[in-house]
Amino acid sequence: MTGNATNLRGPDRPWLLDRARHWQRPTAALLFDVPLAIVQAQNAGRARVVPSDVVSEFHALLPTVDQLRDEGWDTVHLASTIIRTGR
């Protein structure tokens, strides 16, 4: 597994599933389904701007809900569908 905490690369995710199975724990994936234009705009406002082509490359690596389910994730959540409650 690489140091990529976002686990965008498909080959990095099976390790997480294996660990969960080892400990007999359910798995859940959270997919941040943010449109590329919004990601690029947020990136432009950062103190340390990531090159646009790198942002595009990583965005293209985002799996789909179906891909994550096919990999074996028990639950897949889309960030855009989560409702914030409380404070």
N, C-alpha and C. Protein backbone atom coordinates (compact mmCIF):
# COMPACT_ATOMS: atom_id res chain seq x y z
N MET A 1 0.85 -1.19 0.00
CA MET A 1 0.00 0.00 0.00
C MET A 1 0.89 1.24 0.00
N THR A 2 0.48 2.20 -0.78
CA THR A 2 1.26 3.43 -0.87
C THR A 2 0.85 4.40 0.22
N GLY A 3 1.47 5.55 0.24
CA GLY A 3 1.14 6.57 1.21
C GLY A 3 -0.10 7.38 0.82
N ASN A 4 -0.79 6.95 -0.22
CA ASN A 4 -1.96 7.67 -0.71
C ASN A 4 -3.15 7.41 0.21
N ALA A 5 -3.43 8.34 1.10
CA ALA A 5 -4.50 8.16 2.08
C ALA A 5 -5.89 8.20 1.45
N THR A 6 -5.99 8.70 0.22
CA THR A 6 -7.29 8.76 -0.42
C THR A 6 -7.65 7.43 -1.08
N ASN A 7 -6.68 6.58 -1.27
CA ASN A 7 -6.87 5.26 -1.87
C ASN A 7 -7.58 5.34 -3.22
N LEU A 8 -7.16 6.28 -4.04
CA LEU A 8 -7.72 6.41 -5.38
C LEU A 8 -7.27 5.27 -6.29
N ARG A 9 -6.10 4.76 -6.05
CA ARG A 9 -5.59 3.69 -6.90
C ARG A 9 -6.21 2.36 -6.49
N GLY A 10 -6.90 1.74 -7.44
CA GLY A 10 -7.57 0.48 -7.18
C GLY A 10 -6.70 -0.58 -6.53
N PRO A 11 -5.44 -0.73 -6.94
CA PRO A 11 -4.60 -1.76 -6.32
C PRO A 11 -4.32 -1.53 -4.83
N ASP A 12 -4.55 -0.31 -4.34
CA ASP A 12 -4.32 -0.03 -2.92
C ASP A 12 -5.47 -0.46 -2.02
N ARG A 13 -6.67 -0.55 -2.58
CA ARG A 13 -7.85 -0.81 -1.77
C ARG A 13 -8.01 -2.24 -1.27
N PRO A 14 -7.58 -3.28 -2.01
CA PRO A 14 -7.76 -4.65 -1.50
C PRO A 14 -7.11 -4.87 -0.14
N TRP A 15 -6.01 -4.20 0.13
CA TRP A 15 -5.35 -4.33 1.42
C TRP A 15 -6.30 -3.93 2.54
N LEU A 16 -7.05 -2.84 2.32
CA LEU A 16 -8.00 -2.39 3.34
C LEU A 16 -9.10 -3.42 3.55
N LEU A 17 -9.61 -3.98 2.45
CA LEU A 17 -10.64 -5.00 2.56
C LEU A 17 -10.11 -6.25 3.26
N ASP A 18 -8.89 -6.63 2.95
CA ASP A 18 -8.27 -7.80 3.61
C ASP A 18 -8.13 -7.58 5.11
N ARG A 19 -7.72 -6.38 5.50
CA ARG A 19 -7.58 -6.09 6.93
C ARG A 19 -8.94 -6.18 7.63
N ALA A 20 -9.96 -5.63 7.01
CA ALA A 20 -11.30 -5.68 7.61
C ALA A 20 -11.78 -7.13 7.73
N ARG A 21 -11.54 -7.92 6.71
CA ARG A 21 -11.95 -9.33 6.77
C ARG A 21 -11.17 -10.08 7.85
N HIS A 22 -9.90 -9.78 7.96
CA HIS A 22 -9.07 -10.42 8.98
C HIS A 22 -9.66 -10.19 10.37
N TRP A 23 -10.09 -8.96 10.61
CA TRP A 23 -10.64 -8.60 11.91
C TRP A 23 -12.16 -8.77 11.96
N GLN A 24 -12.73 -9.34 10.91
CA GLN A 24 -14.17 -9.61 10.84
C GLN A 24 -15.00 -8.35 11.07
N ARG A 25 -14.62 -7.30 10.36
CA ARG A 25 -15.30 -6.01 10.47
C ARG A 25 -15.97 -5.68 9.15
N PRO A 26 -17.08 -4.98 9.18
CA PRO A 26 -17.73 -4.55 7.93
C PRO A 26 -16.91 -3.44 7.27
N THR A 27 -17.10 -3.29 5.98
CA THR A 27 -16.37 -2.25 5.26
C THR A 27 -17.33 -1.20 4.73
N ALA A 28 -16.86 0.03 4.69
CA ALA A 28 -17.64 1.13 4.14
C ALA A 28 -16.69 2.05 3.38
N ALA A 29 -17.10 2.43 2.18
CA ALA A 29 -16.33 3.37 1.37
C ALA A 29 -17.12 4.65 1.26
N LEU A 30 -16.43 5.77 1.33
CA LEU A 30 -17.05 7.08 1.15
C LEU A 30 -16.45 7.69 -0.11
N LEU A 31 -17.28 7.88 -1.10
CA LEU A 31 -16.85 8.41 -2.38
C LEU A 31 -17.20 9.90 -2.45
N PHE A 32 -16.18 10.72 -2.52
CA PHE A 32 -16.37 12.17 -2.63
C PHE A 32 -16.60 12.51 -4.10
N ASP A 33 -17.84 12.55 -4.48
CA ASP A 33 -18.24 12.74 -5.87
C ASP A 33 -18.38 14.23 -6.20
N VAL A 34 -17.26 14.93 -6.14
CA VAL A 34 -17.23 16.37 -6.38
C VAL A 34 -16.84 16.60 -7.84
N PRO A 35 -17.62 17.40 -8.57
CA PRO A 35 -17.27 17.66 -9.97
C PRO A 35 -15.88 18.28 -10.10
N LEU A 36 -15.20 17.92 -11.19
CA LEU A 36 -13.83 18.39 -11.42
C LEU A 36 -13.74 19.92 -11.39
N ALA A 37 -14.71 20.61 -11.94
CA ALA A 37 -14.66 22.09 -11.95
C ALA A 37 -14.62 22.65 -10.53
N ILE A 38 -15.35 22.06 -9.63
CA ILE A 38 -15.35 22.53 -8.23
C ILE A 38 -14.01 22.20 -7.58
N VAL A 39 -13.50 21.03 -7.83
CA VAL A 39 -12.20 20.65 -7.27
C VAL A 39 -11.13 21.60 -7.77
N GLN A 40 -11.14 21.91 -9.07
CA GLN A 40 -10.14 22.82 -9.64
C GLN A 40 -10.27 24.22 -9.03
N ALA A 41 -11.49 24.68 -8.82
CA ALA A 41 -11.70 26.01 -8.22
C ALA A 41 -11.20 26.04 -6.78
N GLN A 42 -11.49 25.00 -6.02
CA GLN A 42 -11.00 24.93 -4.63
C GLN A 42 -9.48 24.86 -4.60
N ASN A 43 -8.91 24.11 -5.52
CA ASN A 43 -7.46 23.99 -5.59
C ASN A 43 -6.81 25.34 -5.88
N ALA A 44 -7.43 26.12 -6.75
CA ALA A 44 -6.88 27.43 -7.12
C ALA A 44 -6.81 28.37 -5.92
N GLY A 45 -7.66 28.15 -4.91
CA GLY A 45 -7.67 29.01 -3.73
C GLY A 45 -6.76 28.55 -2.61
N ARG A 46 -6.04 27.46 -2.82
CA ARG A 46 -5.15 26.93 -1.78
C ARG A 46 -3.85 27.72 -1.71
N ALA A 47 -3.22 27.67 -0.56
CA ALA A 47 -1.91 28.30 -0.41
C ALA A 47 -0.87 27.57 -1.27
N ARG A 48 -0.97 26.24 -1.30
CA ARG A 48 -0.07 25.43 -2.14
C ARG A 48 -0.91 24.79 -3.24
N VAL A 49 -0.96 25.41 -4.39
CA VAL A 49 -1.78 24.95 -5.51
C VAL A 49 -1.12 23.74 -6.16
N VAL A 50 -1.92 22.71 -6.34
CA VAL A 50 -1.47 21.50 -7.03
C VAL A 50 -1.64 21.75 -8.53
N PRO A 51 -0.67 21.35 -9.36
CA PRO A 51 -0.83 21.57 -10.80
C PRO A 51 -2.16 21.00 -11.31
N SER A 52 -2.80 21.73 -12.18
CA SER A 52 -4.12 21.37 -12.69
C SER A 52 -4.15 19.99 -13.33
N ASP A 53 -3.09 19.65 -14.06
CA ASP A 53 -3.06 18.34 -14.71
C ASP A 53 -3.01 17.20 -13.69
N VAL A 54 -2.37 17.44 -12.55
CA VAL A 54 -2.31 16.43 -11.49
C VAL A 54 -3.69 16.25 -10.86
N VAL A 55 -4.37 17.37 -10.61
CA VAL A 55 -5.72 17.30 -10.06
C VAL A 55 -6.63 16.54 -11.02
N SER A 56 -6.54 16.84 -12.29
CA SER A 56 -7.36 16.14 -13.30
C SER A 56 -7.05 14.65 -13.33
N GLU A 57 -5.77 14.32 -13.25
CA GLU A 57 -5.36 12.91 -13.28
C GLU A 57 -5.92 12.15 -12.08
N PHE A 58 -5.83 12.73 -10.91
CA PHE A 58 -6.34 12.07 -9.71
C PHE A 58 -7.87 11.99 -9.75
N HIS A 59 -8.51 13.04 -10.24
CA HIS A 59 -9.97 13.03 -10.34
C HIS A 59 -10.43 11.89 -11.26
N ALA A 60 -9.69 11.67 -12.33
CA ALA A 60 -10.03 10.60 -13.28
C ALA A 60 -9.91 9.21 -12.66
N LEU A 61 -9.14 9.10 -11.58
CA LEU A 61 -8.97 7.81 -10.90
C LEU A 61 -10.14 7.45 -9.99
N LEU A 62 -11.05 8.41 -9.74
CA LEU A 62 -12.17 8.13 -8.85
C LEU A 62 -12.96 6.93 -9.35
N PRO A 63 -13.17 5.94 -8.50
CA PRO A 63 -13.99 4.80 -8.91
C PRO A 63 -15.46 5.17 -8.90
N THR A 64 -16.27 4.34 -9.49
CA THR A 64 -17.72 4.53 -9.42
C THR A 64 -18.25 3.71 -8.24
N VAL A 65 -19.49 3.96 -7.88
CA VAL A 65 -20.13 3.18 -6.82
C VAL A 65 -20.12 1.70 -7.21
N ASP A 66 -20.46 1.41 -8.45
CA ASP A 66 -20.48 0.01 -8.90
C ASP A 66 -19.10 -0.63 -8.82
N GLN A 67 -18.06 0.11 -9.17
CA GLN A 67 -16.70 -0.43 -9.08
C GLN A 67 -16.36 -0.78 -7.64
N LEU A 68 -16.70 0.10 -6.72
CA LEU A 68 -16.40 -0.16 -5.31
C LEU A 68 -17.19 -1.37 -4.80
N ARG A 69 -18.44 -1.47 -5.19
CA ARG A 69 -19.24 -2.63 -4.78
C ARG A 69 -18.65 -3.91 -5.37
N ASP A 70 -18.23 -3.85 -6.63
CA ASP A 70 -17.62 -5.03 -7.27
C ASP A 70 -16.32 -5.44 -6.58
N GLU A 71 -15.62 -4.48 -6.00
CA GLU A 71 -14.39 -4.78 -5.27
C GLU A 71 -14.68 -5.52 -3.96
N GLY A 72 -15.91 -5.39 -3.45
CA GLY A 72 -16.26 -6.10 -2.24
C GLY A 72 -16.61 -5.23 -1.04
N TRP A 73 -16.74 -3.92 -1.23
CA TRP A 73 -17.12 -3.05 -0.12
C TRP A 73 -18.56 -3.35 0.29
N ASP A 74 -18.80 -3.49 1.58
CA ASP A 74 -20.14 -3.79 2.09
C ASP A 74 -21.10 -2.64 1.85
N THR A 75 -20.63 -1.43 2.10
CA THR A 75 -21.44 -0.24 1.96
C THR A 75 -20.64 0.81 1.21
N VAL A 76 -21.29 1.52 0.31
CA VAL A 76 -20.65 2.63 -0.40
C VAL A 76 -21.56 3.84 -0.24
N HIS A 77 -21.00 4.92 0.27
CA HIS A 77 -21.74 6.18 0.45
C HIS A 77 -21.20 7.22 -0.53
N LEU A 78 -22.10 8.00 -1.10
CA LEU A 78 -21.72 9.14 -1.89
C LEU A 78 -21.78 10.36 -1.00
N ALA A 79 -20.71 11.13 -0.93
CA ALA A 79 -20.67 12.31 -0.07
C ALA A 79 -21.78 13.28 -0.42
N SER A 80 -22.15 13.35 -1.70
CA SER A 80 -23.18 14.30 -2.11
C SER A 80 -24.57 13.96 -1.57
N THR A 81 -24.75 12.74 -1.09
CA THR A 81 -26.06 12.34 -0.60
C THR A 81 -26.16 12.34 0.91
N ILE A 82 -25.07 12.66 1.58
CA ILE A 82 -25.07 12.67 3.04
C ILE A 82 -25.64 14.00 3.53
N ILE A 83 -26.60 13.90 4.40
CA ILE A 83 -27.26 15.09 4.94
C ILE A 83 -26.62 15.43 6.29
N ARG A 84 -26.20 16.66 6.41
CA ARG A 84 -25.61 17.10 7.67
C ARG A 84 -26.72 17.51 8.62
N THR A 85 -26.67 16.98 9.82
CA THR A 85 -27.64 17.35 10.83
C THR A 85 -26.93 17.92 12.04
N GLY A 86 -27.65 18.60 12.87
CA GLY A 86 -27.05 19.14 14.10
C GLY A 86 -26.48 20.51 13.87
N ARG A 87 -25.39 20.76 14.54
CA ARG A 87 -24.75 22.08 14.58
C ARG A 87 -24.69 22.68 13.24
